[in-house]
Amino acid sequence: PDGTVAKVTDETNRSLLSVIDDSRLRLPDDLDIAPDGRIFFSEATIRYEMSEWAVDALEGRGNGRLICHDPRTGSTRTILR
């Protein structure tokens, strides 16, 4: 990667990674960059919006996923649900 950083704000309606495997990104929450440049990030829930955090907590089960983005190929996919 060339180190380019793009700022995404709350006003952003859609980003390059807004839809992955036919599912909209709802609550991405952590990331790590592998030595080969792939970016792994987690999404806390695929079912609820941020405003519905209490419902997600009451449900008491994992609703998230792990996603991998490869900047070399431009591909993004869910690798663990």
PDB file of N, CA and C in Angstrom:
ATOM      1  N   PRO A   1       0.821  -1.201   0.000  1.00  0.00           N
ATOM      2  CA  PRO A   1       0.000   0.000   0.000  1.00  0.00           C
ATOM      3  C   PRO A   1       0.858   1.255   0.000  1.00  0.00           C
ATOM      4  N   ASP A   2       0.336   2.303  -0.594  1.00  0.00           N
ATOM      5  CA  ASP A   2       1.098   3.546  -0.684  1.00  0.00           C
ATOM      6  C   ASP A   2       0.900   4.462   0.510  1.00  0.00           C
ATOM      7  N   GLY A   3       0.115   4.039   1.492  1.00  0.00           N
ATOM      8  CA  GLY A   3      -0.088   4.833   2.698  1.00  0.00           C
ATOM      9  C   GLY A   3      -1.178   5.878   2.575  1.00  0.00           C
ATOM     10  N   THR A   4      -1.893   5.906   1.465  1.00  0.00           N
ATOM     11  CA  THR A   4      -2.974   6.861   1.281  1.00  0.00           C
ATOM     12  C   THR A   4      -4.099   6.584   2.273  1.00  0.00           C
ATOM     13  N   VAL A   5      -4.571   7.632   2.911  1.00  0.00           N
ATOM     14  CA  VAL A   5      -5.667   7.503   3.867  1.00  0.00           C
ATOM     15  C   VAL A   5      -6.818   8.379   3.396  1.00  0.00           C
ATOM     16  N   ALA A   6      -8.010   7.809   3.352  1.00  0.00           N
ATOM     17  CA  ALA A   6      -9.198   8.574   2.985  1.00  0.00           C
ATOM     18  C   ALA A   6     -10.050   8.760   4.227  1.00  0.00           C
ATOM     19  N   LYS A   7     -10.494   9.984   4.472  1.00  0.00           N
ATOM     20  CA  LYS A   7     -11.319  10.265   5.640  1.00  0.00           C
ATOM     21  C   LYS A   7     -12.776   9.973   5.310  1.00  0.00           C
ATOM     22  N   VAL A   8     -13.408   9.178   6.146  1.00  0.00           N
ATOM     23  CA  VAL A   8     -14.823   8.872   5.996  1.00  0.00           C
ATOM     24  C   VAL A   8     -15.532   9.464   7.203  1.00  0.00           C
ATOM     25  N   THR A   9     -16.545  10.267   6.960  1.00  0.00           N
ATOM     26  CA  THR A   9     -17.253  10.928   8.054  1.00  0.00           C
ATOM     27  C   THR A   9     -18.666  10.383   8.185  1.00  0.00           C
ATOM     28  N   ASP A  10     -19.361  10.827   9.209  1.00  0.00           N
ATOM     29  CA  ASP A  10     -20.749  10.425   9.415  1.00  0.00           C
ATOM     30  C   ASP A  10     -21.652  10.869   8.266  1.00  0.00           C
ATOM     31  N   GLU A  11     -21.231  11.887   7.530  1.00  0.00           N
ATOM     32  CA  GLU A  11     -22.038  12.373   6.423  1.00  0.00           C
ATOM     33  C   GLU A  11     -21.875  11.514   5.171  1.00  0.00           C
ATOM     34  N   THR A  12     -20.908  10.620   5.171  1.00  0.00           N
ATOM     35  CA  THR A  12     -20.663   9.789   3.994  1.00  0.00           C
ATOM     36  C   THR A  12     -21.798   8.793   3.807  1.00  0.00           C
ATOM     37  N   ASN A  13     -22.394   8.775   2.628  1.00  0.00           N
ATOM     38  CA  ASN A  13     -23.474   7.838   2.338  1.00  0.00           C
ATOM     39  C   ASN A  13     -22.960   6.502   1.833  1.00  0.00           C
ATOM     40  N   ARG A  14     -21.865   6.514   1.110  1.00  0.00           N
ATOM     41  CA  ARG A  14     -21.353   5.282   0.532  1.00  0.00           C
ATOM     42  C   ARG A  14     -19.842   5.418   0.357  1.00  0.00           C
ATOM     43  N   SER A  15     -19.131   4.360   0.685  1.00  0.00           N
ATOM     44  CA  SER A  15     -17.690   4.339   0.483  1.00  0.00           C
ATOM     45  C   SER A  15     -17.360   3.169  -0.423  1.00  0.00           C
ATOM     46  N   LEU A  16     -16.084   2.994  -0.735  1.00  0.00           N
ATOM     47  CA  LEU A  16     -15.673   1.882  -1.586  1.00  0.00           C
ATOM     48  C   LEU A  16     -16.032   0.538  -0.976  1.00  0.00           C
ATOM     49  N   LEU A  17     -16.074   0.459   0.343  1.00  0.00           N
ATOM     50  CA  LEU A  17     -16.346  -0.809   1.016  1.00  0.00           C
ATOM     51  C   LEU A  17     -17.702  -0.822   1.698  1.00  0.00           C
ATOM     52  N   SER A  18     -18.659  -0.077   1.195  1.00  0.00           N
ATOM     53  CA  SER A  18     -19.935   0.018   1.903  1.00  0.00           C
ATOM     54  C   SER A  18     -20.815  -1.216   1.743  1.00  0.00           C
ATOM     55  N   VAL A  19     -20.607  -1.994   0.681  1.00  0.00           N
ATOM     56  CA  VAL A  19     -21.383  -3.221   0.483  1.00  0.00           C
ATOM     57  C   VAL A  19     -20.420  -4.374   0.251  1.00  0.00           C
ATOM     58  N   ILE A  20     -20.546  -5.414   1.082  1.00  0.00           N
ATOM     59  CA  ILE A  20     -19.667  -6.577   1.000  1.00  0.00           C
ATOM     60  C   ILE A  20     -20.526  -7.826   1.017  1.00  0.00           C
ATOM     61  N   ASP A  21     -20.337  -8.690   0.038  1.00  0.00           N
ATOM     62  CA  ASP A  21     -21.108  -9.936  -0.043  1.00  0.00           C
ATOM     63  C   ASP A  21     -22.607  -9.667   0.074  1.00  0.00           C
ATOM     64  N   ASP A  22     -23.096  -8.666  -0.640  1.00  0.00           N
ATOM     65  CA  ASP A  22     -24.516  -8.289  -0.644  1.00  0.00           C
ATOM     66  C   ASP A  22     -25.038  -7.850   0.718  1.00  0.00           C
ATOM     67  N   SER A  23     -24.170  -7.415   1.603  1.00  0.00           N
ATOM     68  CA  SER A  23     -24.591  -6.936   2.918  1.00  0.00           C
ATOM     69  C   SER A  23     -23.919  -5.594   3.194  1.00  0.00           C
ATOM     70  N   ARG A  24     -24.703  -4.620   3.584  1.00  0.00           N
ATOM     71  CA  ARG A  24     -24.182  -3.278   3.868  1.00  0.00           C
ATOM     72  C   ARG A  24     -23.380  -3.279   5.162  1.00  0.00           C
ATOM     73  N   LEU A  25     -22.284  -2.554   5.167  1.00  0.00           N
ATOM     74  CA  LEU A  25     -21.494  -2.391   6.389  1.00  0.00           C
ATOM     75  C   LEU A  25     -22.297  -1.579   7.391  1.00  0.00           C
ATOM     76  N   ARG A  26     -22.505  -2.109   8.578  1.00  0.00           N
ATOM     77  CA  ARG A  26     -23.292  -1.421   9.598  1.00  0.00           C
ATOM     78  C   ARG A  26     -22.427  -0.848  10.719  1.00  0.00           C
ATOM     79  N   LEU A  27     -21.517  -1.652  11.255  1.00  0.00           N
ATOM     80  CA  LEU A  27     -20.762  -1.206  12.423  1.00  0.00           C
ATOM     81  C   LEU A  27     -19.346  -1.793  12.432  1.00  0.00           C
ATOM     82  N   PRO A  28     -18.475  -1.370  11.485  1.00  0.00           N
ATOM     83  CA  PRO A  28     -17.091  -1.838  11.520  1.00  0.00           C
ATOM     84  C   PRO A  28     -16.416  -1.285  12.764  1.00  0.00           C
ATOM     85  N   ASP A  29     -15.591  -2.124  13.433  1.00  0.00           N
ATOM     86  CA  ASP A  29     -15.084  -1.658  14.719  1.00  0.00           C
ATOM     87  C   ASP A  29     -13.614  -1.913  15.018  1.00  0.00           C
ATOM     88  N   ASP A  30     -12.884  -2.651  14.223  1.00  0.00           N
ATOM     89  CA  ASP A  30     -11.465  -2.872  14.507  1.00  0.00           C
ATOM     90  C   ASP A  30     -10.788  -3.322  13.228  1.00  0.00           C
ATOM     91  N   LEU A  31      -9.474  -3.111  13.121  1.00  0.00           N
ATOM     92  CA  LEU A  31      -8.766  -3.583  11.937  1.00  0.00           C
ATOM     93  C   LEU A  31      -7.330  -3.932  12.266  1.00  0.00           C
ATOM     94  N   ASP A  32      -6.745  -4.722  11.366  1.00  0.00           N
ATOM     95  CA  ASP A  32      -5.334  -5.084  11.451  1.00  0.00           C
ATOM     96  C   ASP A  32      -4.836  -5.223  10.023  1.00  0.00           C
ATOM     97  N   ILE A  33      -3.590  -4.862   9.797  1.00  0.00           N
ATOM     98  CA  ILE A  33      -3.002  -4.956   8.468  1.00  0.00           C
ATOM     99  C   ILE A  33      -1.953  -6.053   8.485  1.00  0.00           C
ATOM    100  N   ALA A  34      -2.115  -7.028   7.602  1.00  0.00           N
ATOM    101  CA  ALA A  34      -1.191  -8.157   7.507  1.00  0.00           C
ATOM    102  C   ALA A  34       0.097  -7.711   6.815  1.00  0.00           C
ATOM    103  N   PRO A  35       1.201  -8.449   7.016  1.00  0.00           N
ATOM    104  CA  PRO A  35       2.468  -8.092   6.369  1.00  0.00           C
ATOM    105  C   PRO A  35       2.369  -7.994   4.841  1.00  0.00           C
ATOM    106  N   ASP A  36       1.456  -8.746   4.233  1.00  0.00           N
ATOM    107  CA  ASP A  36       1.313  -8.702   2.773  1.00  0.00           C
ATOM    108  C   ASP A  36       0.414  -7.554   2.300  1.00  0.00           C
ATOM    109  N   GLY A  37      -0.070  -6.730   3.226  1.00  0.00           N
ATOM    110  CA  GLY A  37      -0.868  -5.560   2.868  1.00  0.00           C
ATOM    111  C   GLY A  37      -2.370  -5.752   2.947  1.00  0.00           C
ATOM    112  N   ARG A  38      -2.838  -6.995   3.103  1.00  0.00           N
ATOM    113  CA  ARG A  38      -4.275  -7.208   3.231  1.00  0.00           C
ATOM    114  C   ARG A  38      -4.772  -6.582   4.527  1.00  0.00           C
ATOM    115  N   ILE A  39      -5.969  -6.034   4.490  1.00  0.00           N
ATOM    116  CA  ILE A  39      -6.565  -5.375   5.651  1.00  0.00           C
ATOM    117  C   ILE A  39      -7.707  -6.248   6.160  1.00  0.00           C
ATOM    118  N   PHE A  40      -7.599  -6.660   7.408  1.00  0.00           N
ATOM    119  CA  PHE A  40      -8.639  -7.455   8.045  1.00  0.00           C
ATOM    120  C   PHE A  40      -9.380  -6.549   9.015  1.00  0.00           C
ATOM    121  N   PHE A  41     -10.696  -6.547   8.948  1.00  0.00           N
ATOM    122  CA  PHE A  41     -11.449  -5.762   9.918  1.00  0.00           C
ATOM    123  C   PHE A  41     -12.710  -6.500  10.325  1.00  0.00           C
ATOM    124  N   SER A  42     -13.150  -6.170  11.514  1.00  0.00           N
ATOM    125  CA  SER A  42     -14.345  -6.822  12.048  1.00  0.00           C
ATOM    126  C   SER A  42     -15.522  -5.862  11.986  1.00  0.00           C
ATOM    127  N   GLU A  43     -16.680  -6.466  11.942  1.00  0.00           N
ATOM    128  CA  GLU A  43     -17.925  -5.711  12.001  1.00  0.00           C
ATOM    129  C   GLU A  43     -18.710  -6.274  13.179  1.00  0.00           C
ATOM    130  N   ALA A  44     -19.069  -5.434  14.119  1.00  0.00           N
ATOM    131  CA  ALA A  44     -19.684  -5.883  15.368  1.00  0.00           C
ATOM    132  C   ALA A  44     -21.035  -6.552  15.156  1.00  0.00           C
ATOM    133  N   THR A  45     -21.806  -6.085  14.196  1.00  0.00           N
ATOM    134  CA  THR A  45     -23.115  -6.686  13.931  1.00  0.00           C
ATOM    135  C   THR A  45     -23.482  -6.510  12.470  1.00  0.00           C
ATOM    136  N   ILE A  46     -24.142  -7.504  11.917  1.00  0.00           N
ATOM    137  CA  ILE A  46     -24.668  -7.384  10.557  1.00  0.00           C
ATOM    138  C   ILE A  46     -26.184  -7.228  10.581  1.00  0.00           C
ATOM    139  N   ARG A  47     -26.764  -7.239  11.770  1.00  0.00           N
ATOM    140  CA  ARG A  47     -28.226  -7.201  11.908  1.00  0.00           C
ATOM    141  C   ARG A  47     -28.781  -5.873  12.400  1.00  0.00           C
ATOM    142  N   TYR A  48     -28.025  -5.128  13.175  1.00  0.00           N
ATOM    143  CA  TYR A  48     -28.573  -3.950  13.853  1.00  0.00           C
ATOM    144  C   TYR A  48     -27.794  -2.690  13.519  1.00  0.00           C
ATOM    145  N   GLU A  49     -28.477  -1.566  13.623  1.00  0.00           N
ATOM    146  CA  GLU A  49     -27.847  -0.257  13.472  1.00  0.00           C
ATOM    147  C   GLU A  49     -27.263   0.173  14.815  1.00  0.00           C
ATOM    148  N   MET A  50     -26.415   1.192  14.807  1.00  0.00           N
ATOM    149  CA  MET A  50     -25.802   1.692  16.036  1.00  0.00           C
ATOM    150  C   MET A  50     -26.864   2.100  17.056  1.00  0.00           C
ATOM    151  N   SER A  51     -27.956   2.671  16.584  1.00  0.00           N
ATOM    152  CA  SER A  51     -29.014   3.124  17.496  1.00  0.00           C
ATOM    153  C   SER A  51     -29.741   1.957  18.166  1.00  0.00           C
ATOM    154  N   GLU A  52     -29.547   0.742  17.659  1.00  0.00           N
ATOM    155  CA  GLU A  52     -30.210  -0.440  18.213  1.00  0.00           C
ATOM    156  C   GLU A  52     -29.256  -1.305  19.033  1.00  0.00           C
ATOM    157  N   TRP A  53     -28.203  -0.686  19.580  1.00  0.00           N
ATOM    158  CA  TRP A  53     -27.181  -1.442  20.307  1.00  0.00           C
ATOM    159  C   TRP A  53     -27.774  -2.233  21.472  1.00  0.00           C
ATOM    160  N   ALA A  54     -28.791  -1.701  22.134  1.00  0.00           N
ATOM    161  CA  ALA A  54     -29.374  -2.397  23.288  1.00  0.00           C
ATOM    162  C   ALA A  54     -30.054  -3.701  22.862  1.00  0.00           C
ATOM    163  N   VAL A  55     -30.715  -3.693  21.722  1.00  0.00           N
ATOM    164  CA  VAL A  55     -31.361  -4.907  21.215  1.00  0.00           C
ATOM    165  C   VAL A  55     -30.304  -5.958  20.899  1.00  0.00           C
ATOM    166  N   ASP A  56     -29.222  -5.520  20.284  1.00  0.00           N
ATOM    167  CA  ASP A  56     -28.121  -6.430  19.962  1.00  0.00           C
ATOM    168  C   ASP A  56     -27.542  -7.034  21.239  1.00  0.00           C
ATOM    169  N   ALA A  57     -27.352  -6.218  22.262  1.00  0.00           N
ATOM    170  CA  ALA A  57     -26.805  -6.702  23.534  1.00  0.00           C
ATOM    171  C   ALA A  57     -27.762  -7.676  24.213  1.00  0.00           C
ATOM    172  N   LEU A  58     -29.047  -7.377  24.187  1.00  0.00           N
ATOM    173  CA  LEU A  58     -30.036  -8.263  24.807  1.00  0.00           C
ATOM    174  C   LEU A  58     -30.140  -9.605  24.091  1.00  0.00           C
ATOM    175  N   GLU A  59     -29.914  -9.596  22.793  1.00  0.00           N
ATOM    176  CA  GLU A  59     -29.975 -10.846  22.043  1.00  0.00           C
ATOM    177  C   GLU A  59     -28.900 -11.818  22.527  1.00  0.00           C
ATOM    178  N   GLY A  60     -27.758 -11.286  22.929  1.00  0.00           N
ATOM    179  CA  GLY A  60     -26.727 -12.091  23.574  1.00  0.00           C
ATOM    180  C   GLY A  60     -26.047 -13.137  22.712  1.00  0.00           C
ATOM    181  N   ARG A  61     -25.937 -12.892  21.428  1.00  0.00           N
ATOM    182  CA  ARG A  61     -25.196 -13.823  20.575  1.00  0.00           C
ATOM    183  C   ARG A  61     -24.419 -13.039  19.533  1.00  0.00           C
ATOM    184  N   GLY A  62     -23.430 -13.687  18.972  1.00  0.00           N
ATOM    185  CA  GLY A  62     -22.600 -13.027  17.973  1.00  0.00           C
ATOM    186  C   GLY A  62     -23.358 -12.770  16.683  1.00  0.00           C
ATOM    187  N   ASN A  63     -23.320 -11.547  16.223  1.00  0.00           N
ATOM    188  CA  ASN A  63     -23.966 -11.171  14.970  1.00  0.00           C
ATOM    189  C   ASN A  63     -22.981 -10.516  14.009  1.00  0.00           C
ATOM    190  N   GLY A  64     -21.697 -10.651  14.272  1.00  0.00           N
ATOM    191  CA  GLY A  64     -20.704  -9.946  13.480  1.00  0.00           C
ATOM    192  C   GLY A  64     -20.047 -10.806  12.423  1.00  0.00           C
ATOM    193  N   ARG A  65     -18.974 -10.247  11.850  1.00  0.00           N
ATOM    194  CA  ARG A  65     -18.201 -10.975  10.849  1.00  0.00           C
ATOM    195  C   ARG A  65     -16.798 -10.400  10.747  1.00  0.00           C
ATOM    196  N   LEU A  66     -15.907 -11.167  10.128  1.00  0.00           N
ATOM    197  CA  LEU A  66     -14.536 -10.749   9.857  1.00  0.00           C
ATOM    198  C   LEU A  66     -14.408 -10.595   8.351  1.00  0.00           C
ATOM    199  N   ILE A  67     -13.862  -9.465   7.931  1.00  0.00           N
ATOM    200  CA  ILE A  67     -13.802  -9.109   6.516  1.00  0.00           C
ATOM    201  C   ILE A  67     -12.347  -8.895   6.121  1.00  0.00           C
ATOM    202  N   CYS A  68     -12.005  -9.279   4.898  1.00  0.00           N
ATOM    203  CA  CYS A  68     -10.658  -9.070   4.373  1.00  0.00           C
ATOM    204  C   CYS A  68     -10.745  -8.220   3.112  1.00  0.00           C
ATOM    205  N   HIS A  69      -9.959  -7.150   3.077  1.00  0.00           N
ATOM    206  CA  HIS A  69      -9.856  -6.303   1.884  1.00  0.00           C
ATOM    207  C   HIS A  69      -8.434  -6.410   1.365  1.00  0.00           C
ATOM    208  N   ASP A  70      -8.288  -6.729   0.083  1.00  0.00           N
ATOM    209  CA  ASP A  70      -6.969  -6.824  -0.544  1.00  0.00           C
ATOM    210  C   ASP A  70      -6.794  -5.627  -1.470  1.00  0.00           C
ATOM    211  N   PRO A  71      -5.990  -4.637  -1.062  1.00  0.00           N
ATOM    212  CA  PRO A  71      -5.813  -3.438  -1.883  1.00  0.00           C
ATOM    213  C   PRO A  71      -5.183  -3.727  -3.242  1.00  0.00           C
ATOM    214  N   ARG A  72      -4.406  -4.808  -3.349  1.00  0.00           N
ATOM    215  CA  ARG A  72      -3.761  -5.134  -4.630  1.00  0.00           C
ATOM    216  C   ARG A  72      -4.791  -5.525  -5.684  1.00  0.00           C
ATOM    217  N   THR A  73      -5.797  -6.283  -5.277  1.00  0.00           N
ATOM    218  CA  THR A  73      -6.814  -6.747  -6.231  1.00  0.00           C
ATOM    219  C   THR A  73      -8.095  -5.924  -6.161  1.00  0.00           C
ATOM    220  N   GLY A  74      -8.262  -5.178  -5.071  1.00  0.00           N
ATOM    221  CA  GLY A  74      -9.482  -4.408  -4.870  1.00  0.00           C
ATOM    222  C   GLY A  74     -10.648  -5.251  -4.383  1.00  0.00           C
ATOM    223  N   SER A  75     -10.383  -6.521  -4.058  1.00  0.00           N
ATOM    224  CA  SER A  75     -11.466  -7.408  -3.619  1.00  0.00           C
ATOM    225  C   SER A  75     -11.681  -7.313  -2.111  1.00  0.00           C
ATOM    226  N   THR A  76     -12.927  -7.448  -1.713  1.00  0.00           N
ATOM    227  CA  THR A  76     -13.306  -7.444  -0.306  1.00  0.00           C
ATOM    228  C   THR A  76     -14.301  -8.568  -0.105  1.00  0.00           C
ATOM    229  N   ARG A  77     -14.073  -9.386   0.928  1.00  0.00           N
ATOM    230  CA  ARG A  77     -14.974 -10.515   1.154  1.00  0.00           C
ATOM    231  C   ARG A  77     -15.067 -10.844   2.631  1.00  0.00           C
ATOM    232  N   THR A  78     -16.178 -11.439   3.005  1.00  0.00           N
ATOM    233  CA  THR A  78     -16.375 -11.939   4.359  1.00  0.00           C
ATOM    234  C   THR A  78     -15.605 -13.247   4.482  1.00  0.00           C
ATOM    235  N   ILE A  79     -14.771 -13.370   5.532  1.00  0.00           N
ATOM    236  CA  ILE A  79     -14.023 -14.617   5.696  1.00  0.00           C
ATOM    237  C   ILE A  79     -14.488 -15.422   6.904  1.00  0.00           C
ATOM    238  N   LEU A  80     -15.222 -14.800   7.805  1.00  0.00           N
ATOM    239  CA  LEU A  80     -15.745 -15.511   8.969  1.00  0.00           C
ATOM    240  C   LEU A  80     -17.012 -14.816   9.424  1.00  0.00           C
ATOM    241  N   ARG A  81     -18.035 -15.617   9.684  1.00  0.00           N
ATOM    242  CA  ARG A  81     -19.307 -15.062  10.144  1.00  0.00           C
ATOM    243  C   ARG A  81     -19.661 -15.655  11.469  1.00  0.00           C
TER     244      ARG A  81
END
